N, C-alpha and C. Protein backbone atom coordinates (compact mmCIF):
# COMPACT_ATOMS: atom_id res chain seq x y z
N MET A 1 77.65 83.54 85.95
CA MET A 1 78.38 83.13 87.14
C MET A 1 78.34 84.25 88.17
N ASN A 2 78.06 83.92 89.42
CA ASN A 2 77.98 84.90 90.50
C ASN A 2 79.28 84.91 91.30
N ALA A 3 80.30 85.53 90.74
CA ALA A 3 81.58 85.60 91.44
C ALA A 3 81.56 86.73 92.45
N SER A 4 82.13 86.46 93.62
CA SER A 4 82.35 87.55 94.57
C SER A 4 83.55 88.35 94.09
N ILE A 5 83.63 89.59 94.52
CA ILE A 5 84.73 90.46 94.09
C ILE A 5 85.39 91.07 95.32
N ALA A 6 86.69 90.94 95.38
CA ALA A 6 87.48 91.58 96.44
C ALA A 6 88.24 92.73 95.82
N THR A 7 87.96 93.96 96.27
CA THR A 7 88.73 95.12 95.81
C THR A 7 89.84 95.36 96.82
N LEU A 8 91.06 95.14 96.37
CA LEU A 8 92.23 95.18 97.24
C LEU A 8 93.05 96.44 97.00
N THR A 9 93.51 97.04 98.07
CA THR A 9 94.56 98.05 97.96
C THR A 9 95.77 97.53 98.72
N LEU A 10 96.87 97.38 98.01
CA LEU A 10 98.11 96.91 98.60
C LEU A 10 99.11 98.05 98.63
N GLU A 11 99.93 98.07 99.69
CA GLU A 11 100.95 99.10 99.86
C GLU A 11 102.27 98.43 100.21
N SER A 12 103.34 98.99 99.69
CA SER A 12 104.65 98.35 99.85
C SER A 12 105.14 98.35 101.29
N LEU A 13 105.80 97.27 101.66
CA LEU A 13 106.61 97.19 102.88
C LEU A 13 108.09 97.19 102.52
N SER A 14 108.39 96.92 101.24
CA SER A 14 109.76 96.97 100.73
C SER A 14 109.70 97.30 99.25
N PRO A 15 110.81 97.73 98.65
CA PRO A 15 110.80 98.12 97.24
C PRO A 15 110.38 96.95 96.34
N MET A 16 109.89 97.31 95.13
CA MET A 16 109.58 96.31 94.13
C MET A 16 110.58 96.44 92.99
N SER A 17 111.16 95.31 92.61
CA SER A 17 112.08 95.27 91.48
C SER A 17 111.49 94.34 90.43
N GLN A 18 111.61 94.73 89.16
CA GLN A 18 111.03 93.92 88.08
C GLN A 18 112.13 93.37 87.17
N SER A 19 111.82 92.24 86.53
CA SER A 19 112.82 91.58 85.68
C SER A 19 112.16 90.95 84.44
N ARG A 20 111.32 91.74 83.79
CA ARG A 20 110.64 91.24 82.60
C ARG A 20 111.67 90.82 81.54
N GLN A 21 111.45 89.67 80.93
CA GLN A 21 112.32 89.25 79.83
C GLN A 21 111.99 90.08 78.60
N HIS A 22 113.02 90.53 77.92
CA HIS A 22 112.79 91.32 76.71
C HIS A 22 113.74 90.83 75.61
N GLU A 23 113.48 91.26 74.41
CA GLU A 23 114.29 90.83 73.27
C GLU A 23 114.84 92.04 72.50
N GLU A 24 115.23 93.06 73.26
CA GLU A 24 115.85 94.21 72.60
C GLU A 24 117.13 93.77 71.90
N PRO A 25 117.29 94.14 70.63
CA PRO A 25 118.50 93.70 69.91
C PRO A 25 119.75 94.43 70.40
N LYS A 26 120.88 93.73 70.30
CA LYS A 26 122.16 94.35 70.64
C LYS A 26 122.61 95.23 69.50
N LEU A 27 123.34 96.27 69.85
CA LEU A 27 123.96 97.12 68.85
C LEU A 27 125.29 96.50 68.41
N GLU A 28 125.70 96.82 67.23
CA GLU A 28 126.96 96.29 66.71
C GLU A 28 128.11 96.69 67.63
N GLY A 29 128.89 95.71 68.07
CA GLY A 29 130.04 95.95 68.93
C GLY A 29 129.70 96.18 70.40
N GLU A 30 128.43 96.04 70.77
CA GLU A 30 128.00 96.31 72.15
C GLU A 30 128.29 95.12 73.04
N ASN A 31 129.00 95.34 74.17
CA ASN A 31 129.26 94.22 75.08
C ASN A 31 128.08 94.03 76.04
N HIS A 32 128.14 92.98 76.85
CA HIS A 32 127.01 92.63 77.73
C HIS A 32 126.71 93.75 78.72
N ASP A 33 127.75 94.36 79.29
CA ASP A 33 127.52 95.39 80.29
C ASP A 33 126.89 96.63 79.67
N ALA A 34 127.39 97.05 78.52
CA ALA A 34 126.81 98.21 77.84
C ALA A 34 125.36 97.94 77.44
N TYR A 35 125.11 96.72 77.00
CA TYR A 35 123.74 96.32 76.63
C TYR A 35 122.80 96.41 77.84
N ASP A 36 123.27 95.95 79.00
CA ASP A 36 122.45 95.97 80.21
C ASP A 36 122.19 97.41 80.66
N ILE A 37 123.20 98.26 80.57
CA ILE A 37 123.04 99.67 80.93
C ILE A 37 122.00 100.34 80.04
N ARG A 38 122.01 100.03 78.77
CA ARG A 38 121.09 100.66 77.81
C ARG A 38 119.67 100.12 77.91
N THR A 39 119.54 98.84 78.21
CA THR A 39 118.22 98.20 78.07
C THR A 39 117.50 97.88 79.38
N TRP A 40 118.09 98.22 80.55
CA TRP A 40 117.42 97.85 81.80
C TRP A 40 115.99 98.38 81.90
N PRO A 41 115.64 99.56 81.32
CA PRO A 41 114.24 100.00 81.44
C PRO A 41 113.24 99.03 80.81
N HIS A 42 113.70 98.22 79.86
CA HIS A 42 112.81 97.25 79.22
C HIS A 42 112.46 96.08 80.14
N LYS A 43 113.09 96.02 81.30
CA LYS A 43 112.74 94.97 82.27
C LYS A 43 111.50 95.33 83.08
N MET A 44 110.98 96.56 82.89
CA MET A 44 109.74 96.96 83.55
C MET A 44 108.54 96.46 82.76
N HIS A 45 107.45 96.21 83.49
CA HIS A 45 106.16 95.91 82.87
C HIS A 45 105.42 97.25 82.76
N VAL A 46 105.17 97.70 81.54
CA VAL A 46 104.57 99.01 81.31
C VAL A 46 103.35 98.88 80.41
N GLU A 47 102.28 99.59 80.77
CA GLU A 47 101.07 99.64 79.97
C GLU A 47 100.55 101.08 79.94
N THR A 48 99.61 101.32 79.04
CA THR A 48 98.98 102.65 78.95
C THR A 48 97.64 102.62 79.65
N ARG A 49 97.44 103.54 80.58
CA ARG A 49 96.17 103.71 81.27
C ARG A 49 95.79 105.19 81.22
N ASN A 50 94.58 105.47 80.75
CA ASN A 50 94.11 106.86 80.63
C ASN A 50 95.11 107.72 79.84
N ASN A 51 95.61 107.13 78.75
CA ASN A 51 96.55 107.82 77.83
C ASN A 51 97.89 108.15 78.46
N ARG A 52 98.23 107.47 79.56
CA ARG A 52 99.53 107.69 80.20
C ARG A 52 100.20 106.36 80.46
N SER A 53 101.51 106.32 80.29
CA SER A 53 102.27 105.10 80.57
C SER A 53 102.42 104.93 82.08
N THR A 54 102.28 103.71 82.54
CA THR A 54 102.46 103.41 83.96
C THR A 54 103.10 102.05 84.11
N VAL A 55 103.88 101.89 85.16
CA VAL A 55 104.39 100.58 85.52
C VAL A 55 103.23 99.78 86.11
N VAL A 56 103.16 98.49 85.74
CA VAL A 56 102.10 97.62 86.26
C VAL A 56 102.72 96.39 86.89
N ILE A 57 101.90 95.72 87.70
CA ILE A 57 102.27 94.41 88.24
C ILE A 57 101.58 93.36 87.37
N PRO A 58 102.30 92.38 86.83
CA PRO A 58 101.61 91.34 86.07
C PRO A 58 100.58 90.63 86.96
N SER A 59 99.36 90.50 86.46
CA SER A 59 98.31 89.86 87.27
C SER A 59 98.73 88.44 87.66
N MET A 60 99.47 87.77 86.79
CA MET A 60 99.92 86.41 87.10
C MET A 60 100.85 86.39 88.31
N ALA A 61 101.62 87.48 88.51
CA ALA A 61 102.51 87.54 89.67
C ALA A 61 101.71 87.58 90.96
N ILE A 62 100.62 88.36 90.98
CA ILE A 62 99.75 88.41 92.16
C ILE A 62 99.09 87.05 92.38
N HIS A 63 98.57 86.48 91.30
CA HIS A 63 97.89 85.18 91.40
C HIS A 63 98.85 84.12 91.94
N GLN A 64 100.05 84.06 91.38
CA GLN A 64 101.03 83.07 91.83
C GLN A 64 101.43 83.30 93.29
N ALA A 65 101.49 84.56 93.71
CA ALA A 65 101.82 84.85 95.11
C ALA A 65 100.75 84.31 96.04
N LEU A 66 99.47 84.44 95.65
CA LEU A 66 98.38 83.93 96.48
C LEU A 66 98.37 82.40 96.52
N VAL A 67 98.68 81.78 95.40
CA VAL A 67 98.77 80.31 95.38
C VAL A 67 99.92 79.85 96.27
N ALA A 68 101.07 80.54 96.16
CA ALA A 68 102.21 80.19 97.00
C ALA A 68 101.91 80.40 98.48
N ALA A 69 101.12 81.44 98.79
CA ALA A 69 100.73 81.69 100.18
C ALA A 69 99.85 80.57 100.71
N ALA A 70 98.91 80.11 99.89
CA ALA A 70 98.04 79.00 100.30
C ALA A 70 98.85 77.74 100.57
N LYS A 71 99.86 77.52 99.73
CA LYS A 71 100.73 76.36 99.92
C LYS A 71 101.58 76.53 101.18
N TYR A 72 102.11 77.73 101.38
CA TYR A 72 102.95 78.04 102.54
C TYR A 72 102.17 77.85 103.84
N SER A 73 100.90 78.24 103.84
CA SER A 73 100.10 78.19 105.07
C SER A 73 99.83 76.77 105.55
N LYS A 74 99.76 75.83 104.60
CA LYS A 74 99.41 74.44 104.91
C LYS A 74 98.04 74.32 105.59
N ARG A 75 97.28 75.38 105.53
CA ARG A 75 95.96 75.36 106.18
C ARG A 75 95.02 74.43 105.42
N GLN A 76 94.31 73.60 106.15
CA GLN A 76 93.39 72.64 105.54
C GLN A 76 91.98 73.22 105.45
N ILE A 77 91.24 72.77 104.43
CA ILE A 77 89.86 73.21 104.25
C ILE A 77 88.97 72.42 105.21
N PRO A 78 88.17 73.10 106.01
CA PRO A 78 87.29 72.38 106.95
C PRO A 78 86.39 71.37 106.23
N ASN A 79 86.26 70.20 106.83
CA ASN A 79 85.37 69.14 106.33
C ASN A 79 85.78 68.59 104.97
N GLN A 80 87.05 68.77 104.59
CA GLN A 80 87.53 68.21 103.32
C GLN A 80 88.80 67.41 103.52
N GLY A 81 88.86 66.71 104.64
CA GLY A 81 90.00 65.85 104.91
C GLY A 81 91.29 66.64 105.03
N LYS A 82 92.34 66.18 104.30
CA LYS A 82 93.64 66.85 104.35
C LYS A 82 93.83 67.85 103.22
N ALA A 83 92.77 68.12 102.46
CA ALA A 83 92.87 69.07 101.35
C ALA A 83 93.20 70.47 101.86
N THR A 84 94.16 71.12 101.21
CA THR A 84 94.52 72.49 101.58
C THR A 84 93.90 73.47 100.57
N TRP A 85 94.16 74.77 100.78
CA TRP A 85 93.57 75.80 99.95
C TRP A 85 94.33 76.02 98.64
N THR A 86 95.44 75.32 98.42
CA THR A 86 96.29 75.59 97.25
C THR A 86 95.52 75.46 95.94
N ALA A 87 94.82 74.36 95.74
CA ALA A 87 94.09 74.15 94.49
C ALA A 87 92.97 75.16 94.32
N LYS A 88 92.34 75.55 95.43
CA LYS A 88 91.25 76.53 95.36
C LYS A 88 91.75 77.88 94.87
N PHE A 89 92.95 78.29 95.33
CA PHE A 89 93.50 79.57 94.89
C PHE A 89 94.16 79.46 93.51
N SER A 90 94.53 78.25 93.10
CA SER A 90 95.08 78.07 91.75
C SER A 90 94.00 78.29 90.69
N ALA A 91 92.84 77.68 90.89
CA ALA A 91 91.79 77.72 89.87
C ALA A 91 90.59 78.58 90.24
N GLY A 92 90.46 78.94 91.50
CA GLY A 92 89.23 79.56 91.97
C GLY A 92 89.22 81.07 92.08
N ILE A 93 90.31 81.74 91.62
CA ILE A 93 90.32 83.20 91.61
C ILE A 93 90.79 83.69 90.24
N MET A 94 90.49 84.96 89.94
CA MET A 94 90.86 85.51 88.63
C MET A 94 91.10 87.02 88.77
N ILE A 95 92.17 87.51 88.17
CA ILE A 95 92.47 88.94 88.11
C ILE A 95 92.47 89.33 86.64
N LEU A 96 91.57 90.22 86.25
CA LEU A 96 91.31 90.46 84.84
C LEU A 96 92.29 91.42 84.16
N GLU A 97 92.98 92.27 84.93
CA GLU A 97 93.96 93.16 84.32
C GLU A 97 95.16 93.33 85.23
N ASN A 98 96.26 93.74 84.63
CA ASN A 98 97.47 93.94 85.40
C ASN A 98 97.32 95.19 86.28
N PRO A 99 97.44 95.04 87.61
CA PRO A 99 97.28 96.19 88.51
C PRO A 99 98.28 97.31 88.21
N ALA A 100 97.77 98.53 88.10
CA ALA A 100 98.62 99.69 87.80
C ALA A 100 99.22 100.26 89.08
N LEU A 101 100.47 100.69 88.98
CA LEU A 101 101.14 101.35 90.11
C LEU A 101 101.05 102.86 90.01
N HIS A 102 100.61 103.36 88.85
CA HIS A 102 100.52 104.81 88.60
C HIS A 102 101.88 105.47 88.84
N VAL A 103 102.91 104.79 88.34
CA VAL A 103 104.28 105.29 88.41
C VAL A 103 104.76 105.48 86.97
N ASP A 104 105.23 106.68 86.65
CA ASP A 104 105.76 106.98 85.33
C ASP A 104 107.07 106.20 85.13
N PRO A 105 107.15 105.34 84.13
CA PRO A 105 108.39 104.58 83.94
C PRO A 105 109.61 105.45 83.68
N GLU A 106 109.39 106.69 83.23
CA GLU A 106 110.52 107.59 82.95
C GLU A 106 111.26 108.03 84.21
N ILE A 107 110.60 107.94 85.37
CA ILE A 107 111.26 108.40 86.60
C ILE A 107 111.84 107.24 87.42
N VAL A 108 111.64 106.02 86.97
CA VAL A 108 112.12 104.85 87.72
C VAL A 108 113.64 104.74 87.56
N GLN A 109 114.31 104.46 88.68
CA GLN A 109 115.76 104.26 88.69
C GLN A 109 116.06 102.77 88.74
N CYS A 110 117.32 102.44 88.50
CA CYS A 110 117.70 101.03 88.56
C CYS A 110 118.64 100.79 89.74
N VAL A 111 118.73 99.53 90.12
CA VAL A 111 119.69 99.09 91.13
C VAL A 111 120.60 98.07 90.47
N ALA A 112 121.90 98.23 90.66
CA ALA A 112 122.87 97.29 90.10
C ALA A 112 123.21 96.25 91.15
N ILE A 113 123.13 94.99 90.77
CA ILE A 113 123.46 93.90 91.69
C ILE A 113 124.48 92.97 91.05
N SER A 114 125.15 92.20 91.89
CA SER A 114 126.06 91.18 91.40
C SER A 114 125.27 89.89 91.27
N ALA A 115 125.09 89.43 90.02
CA ALA A 115 124.23 88.28 89.76
C ALA A 115 125.02 87.17 89.07
N ASN A 116 124.52 85.95 89.19
CA ASN A 116 125.12 84.84 88.46
C ASN A 116 124.92 85.06 86.96
N ALA A 117 125.97 84.87 86.20
CA ALA A 117 125.93 85.15 84.76
C ALA A 117 124.85 84.36 84.05
N ASP A 118 124.61 83.13 84.50
CA ASP A 118 123.60 82.29 83.82
C ASP A 118 122.26 82.29 84.55
N GLY A 119 122.16 83.11 85.62
CA GLY A 119 120.90 83.19 86.35
C GLY A 119 120.65 82.06 87.34
N VAL A 120 121.59 81.14 87.48
CA VAL A 120 121.43 80.00 88.39
C VAL A 120 122.23 80.27 89.65
N ARG A 121 121.55 80.28 90.80
CA ARG A 121 122.20 80.60 92.07
C ARG A 121 123.37 79.65 92.35
N GLY A 122 124.54 80.23 92.66
CA GLY A 122 125.71 79.44 93.05
C GLY A 122 126.41 78.74 91.90
N SER A 123 126.13 79.14 90.66
CA SER A 123 126.69 78.41 89.51
C SER A 123 128.10 78.84 89.12
N GLY A 124 128.57 79.97 89.65
CA GLY A 124 129.94 80.35 89.31
C GLY A 124 130.10 81.83 89.05
N LYS A 125 130.47 82.19 87.82
CA LYS A 125 130.83 83.56 87.47
C LYS A 125 129.69 84.53 87.75
N ARG A 126 130.07 85.69 88.34
CA ARG A 126 129.09 86.71 88.65
C ARG A 126 129.35 87.95 87.79
N VAL A 127 128.26 88.61 87.43
CA VAL A 127 128.33 89.81 86.60
C VAL A 127 127.40 90.86 87.18
N THR A 128 127.59 92.11 86.78
CA THR A 128 126.70 93.19 87.23
C THR A 128 125.46 93.22 86.35
N ARG A 129 124.30 93.22 86.98
CA ARG A 129 123.03 93.33 86.27
C ARG A 129 122.21 94.44 86.92
N ARG A 130 121.45 95.15 86.11
CA ARG A 130 120.65 96.29 86.58
C ARG A 130 119.17 95.97 86.43
N PHE A 131 118.41 96.31 87.48
CA PHE A 131 116.98 96.05 87.49
C PHE A 131 116.23 97.31 87.93
N PRO A 132 115.12 97.63 87.25
CA PRO A 132 114.31 98.77 87.68
C PRO A 132 113.73 98.50 89.06
N THR A 133 113.80 99.51 89.94
CA THR A 133 113.35 99.34 91.31
C THR A 133 112.50 100.53 91.73
N ILE A 134 111.35 100.24 92.31
CA ILE A 134 110.42 101.27 92.79
C ILE A 134 110.43 101.24 94.31
N PRO A 135 110.97 102.26 94.97
CA PRO A 135 111.14 102.23 96.43
C PRO A 135 109.84 102.09 97.21
N ALA A 136 108.80 102.81 96.80
CA ALA A 136 107.50 102.76 97.49
C ALA A 136 106.41 102.67 96.42
N TRP A 137 105.42 101.84 96.68
CA TRP A 137 104.39 101.63 95.67
C TRP A 137 103.05 101.29 96.32
N ARG A 138 101.99 101.43 95.52
CA ARG A 138 100.63 101.19 96.00
C ARG A 138 99.77 100.86 94.79
N SER A 139 98.81 99.97 94.96
CA SER A 139 97.93 99.61 93.84
C SER A 139 96.58 99.14 94.36
N THR A 140 95.52 99.49 93.61
CA THR A 140 94.17 99.04 93.90
C THR A 140 93.64 98.28 92.70
N PHE A 141 93.06 97.10 92.94
CA PHE A 141 92.58 96.27 91.84
C PHE A 141 91.56 95.26 92.37
N ASP A 142 90.82 94.65 91.44
CA ASP A 142 89.79 93.67 91.79
C ASP A 142 90.29 92.25 91.59
N VAL A 143 89.92 91.39 92.52
CA VAL A 143 90.13 89.95 92.38
C VAL A 143 88.75 89.30 92.35
N HIS A 144 88.48 88.53 91.32
CA HIS A 144 87.20 87.83 91.20
C HIS A 144 87.33 86.46 91.86
N ILE A 145 86.44 86.20 92.80
CA ILE A 145 86.46 84.94 93.56
C ILE A 145 85.46 83.99 92.91
N LEU A 146 85.97 83.06 92.11
CA LEU A 146 85.09 82.18 91.34
C LEU A 146 84.57 81.01 92.17
N ASP A 147 85.38 80.53 93.10
CA ASP A 147 84.98 79.39 93.93
C ASP A 147 84.33 79.91 95.21
N PRO A 148 83.05 79.63 95.41
CA PRO A 148 82.33 80.20 96.56
C PRO A 148 82.81 79.69 97.92
N ILE A 149 83.66 78.66 97.93
CA ILE A 149 84.17 78.16 99.22
C ILE A 149 85.20 79.13 99.80
N ILE A 150 85.78 80.00 98.96
CA ILE A 150 86.76 80.97 99.44
C ILE A 150 86.02 82.14 100.07
N THR A 151 86.15 82.28 101.37
CA THR A 151 85.47 83.35 102.11
C THR A 151 86.38 84.56 102.24
N GLU A 152 85.82 85.66 102.72
CA GLU A 152 86.61 86.87 102.91
C GLU A 152 87.75 86.64 103.90
N ASP A 153 87.47 85.91 104.99
CA ASP A 153 88.51 85.68 106.01
C ASP A 153 89.66 84.86 105.45
N VAL A 154 89.35 83.83 104.67
CA VAL A 154 90.39 82.99 104.07
C VAL A 154 91.19 83.80 103.06
N PHE A 155 90.48 84.56 102.24
CA PHE A 155 91.15 85.38 101.23
C PHE A 155 92.10 86.38 101.89
N ARG A 156 91.63 87.08 102.91
CA ARG A 156 92.47 88.06 103.61
C ARG A 156 93.71 87.39 104.19
N GLU A 157 93.53 86.22 104.79
CA GLU A 157 94.67 85.52 105.39
C GLU A 157 95.73 85.20 104.35
N MET A 158 95.31 84.73 103.17
CA MET A 158 96.28 84.36 102.14
C MET A 158 96.98 85.59 101.56
N VAL A 159 96.25 86.71 101.43
CA VAL A 159 96.89 87.94 100.96
C VAL A 159 97.93 88.41 101.98
N GLU A 160 97.60 88.33 103.26
CA GLU A 160 98.54 88.74 104.30
C GLU A 160 99.80 87.86 104.30
N ILE A 161 99.60 86.56 104.14
CA ILE A 161 100.75 85.63 104.07
C ILE A 161 101.59 85.94 102.85
N ALA A 162 100.93 86.18 101.71
CA ALA A 162 101.65 86.50 100.47
C ALA A 162 102.49 87.76 100.65
N GLY A 163 101.93 88.75 101.32
CA GLY A 163 102.63 90.02 101.50
C GLY A 163 103.87 89.91 102.36
N LEU A 164 103.82 89.05 103.37
CA LEU A 164 104.96 88.93 104.29
C LEU A 164 105.99 87.90 103.87
N PHE A 165 105.54 86.77 103.34
CA PHE A 165 106.43 85.62 103.16
C PHE A 165 106.69 85.22 101.71
N VAL A 166 105.92 85.76 100.77
CA VAL A 166 106.09 85.39 99.36
C VAL A 166 106.60 86.58 98.56
N GLY A 167 105.84 87.68 98.56
CA GLY A 167 106.23 88.88 97.84
C GLY A 167 106.00 88.77 96.34
N ILE A 168 106.31 89.86 95.62
CA ILE A 168 106.18 89.88 94.17
C ILE A 168 107.40 90.55 93.56
N GLY A 169 107.73 90.14 92.35
CA GLY A 169 108.83 90.76 91.62
C GLY A 169 110.16 90.06 91.83
N GLN A 170 111.20 90.71 91.33
CA GLN A 170 112.55 90.17 91.39
C GLN A 170 113.11 90.29 92.80
N PHE A 171 113.85 89.27 93.26
CA PHE A 171 114.47 89.23 94.58
C PHE A 171 113.44 89.32 95.70
N ARG A 172 112.34 88.56 95.55
CA ARG A 172 111.29 88.53 96.56
C ARG A 172 111.62 87.49 97.63
N PRO A 173 110.94 87.53 98.80
CA PRO A 173 111.22 86.61 99.90
C PRO A 173 111.13 85.13 99.50
N GLN A 174 110.18 84.80 98.63
CA GLN A 174 110.03 83.43 98.17
C GLN A 174 111.32 82.90 97.54
N ASN A 175 112.12 83.83 96.98
CA ASN A 175 113.39 83.45 96.33
C ASN A 175 114.60 83.92 97.15
N LEU A 176 114.44 83.96 98.47
CA LEU A 176 115.50 84.32 99.41
C LEU A 176 115.89 85.80 99.33
N GLY A 177 114.98 86.64 98.83
CA GLY A 177 115.24 88.06 98.75
C GLY A 177 114.43 88.84 99.77
N SER A 178 114.39 90.16 99.59
CA SER A 178 113.66 91.02 100.53
C SER A 178 112.73 92.00 99.84
N ASN A 179 112.73 92.03 98.50
CA ASN A 179 111.89 92.98 97.77
C ASN A 179 110.45 92.48 97.66
N GLY A 180 109.54 93.42 97.33
CA GLY A 180 108.19 93.04 96.97
C GLY A 180 107.27 92.65 98.10
N ARG A 181 107.66 92.95 99.35
CA ARG A 181 106.74 92.70 100.46
C ARG A 181 105.67 93.79 100.49
N PHE A 182 104.47 93.43 100.94
CA PHE A 182 103.37 94.40 100.95
C PHE A 182 102.40 94.09 102.08
N ARG A 183 101.50 95.06 102.33
CA ARG A 183 100.44 94.87 103.31
C ARG A 183 99.12 95.34 102.71
N ILE A 184 98.03 94.89 103.30
CA ILE A 184 96.70 95.33 102.88
C ILE A 184 96.38 96.65 103.56
N THR A 185 96.00 97.65 102.79
CA THR A 185 95.49 98.88 103.40
C THR A 185 93.96 98.96 103.27
N SER A 186 93.39 98.20 102.35
CA SER A 186 91.93 98.16 102.21
C SER A 186 91.53 96.87 101.51
N LEU A 187 90.45 96.27 101.99
CA LEU A 187 89.85 95.11 101.33
C LEU A 187 88.34 95.28 101.41
N VAL A 188 87.72 95.52 100.26
CA VAL A 188 86.26 95.65 100.19
C VAL A 188 85.73 94.41 99.51
N TRP A 189 84.88 93.67 100.22
CA TRP A 189 84.40 92.36 99.76
C TRP A 189 82.92 92.46 99.36
N ARG A 190 82.64 92.13 98.11
CA ARG A 190 81.25 92.09 97.61
C ARG A 190 80.89 90.62 97.41
N ASP A 191 80.13 90.10 98.35
CA ASP A 191 79.81 88.68 98.37
C ASP A 191 78.61 88.40 97.51
N ASN A 192 78.79 87.69 96.41
CA ASN A 192 77.70 87.40 95.48
C ASN A 192 77.30 85.92 95.49
N ARG A 193 77.67 85.23 96.57
CA ARG A 193 77.27 83.82 96.65
C ARG A 193 75.77 83.69 96.85
N LYS A 194 75.19 82.66 96.26
CA LYS A 194 73.77 82.38 96.44
C LYS A 194 73.54 81.65 97.76
N LEU A 195 72.32 81.74 98.28
CA LEU A 195 71.98 80.97 99.46
C LEU A 195 71.98 79.48 99.13
N ALA A 196 72.49 78.68 100.06
CA ALA A 196 72.51 77.23 99.84
C ALA A 196 71.07 76.69 99.82
N ALA A 197 70.89 75.67 99.00
CA ALA A 197 69.55 75.06 98.90
C ALA A 197 69.18 74.37 100.19
């Protein structure tokens, strides 16, 4: 397959907060607040790169942000009736690894917020919850463009929309928050499409 490759460098416009689900066991007699204070670092996505631990962005979060951007744009594909780019970005791109932030998880601080106890907005009782937050971040990674109809201009537009209006992570704009906004600082496009017959 001759996939084009977009090498993206993204830079933060607002902090990134993560909320990975974890299954750390409770200690005997530990209440919810003490458990949250002890285990909030486990809400980070962490992997080892070059023998060092680093916070990463789940590749699915980037992919979902681009799909949401295509849906948000409502832009139609030329010569394809009312079809929009949503399906093309759902199935037509691939990110092979979780982008690294090159941030040591040991130095990350948390932010305490007042959250709904059951996680459902407006449902009632509120409790304090802590989430790891990275004030400034940057990442470079490759996106494989499997569908040749996706051009560099279309791809750039959807990344820009994702950065401003969708975001990534916990409390992002898509969910009425302000975290996880970003901008493109570099996009290198290697076009491997074949000439049309």
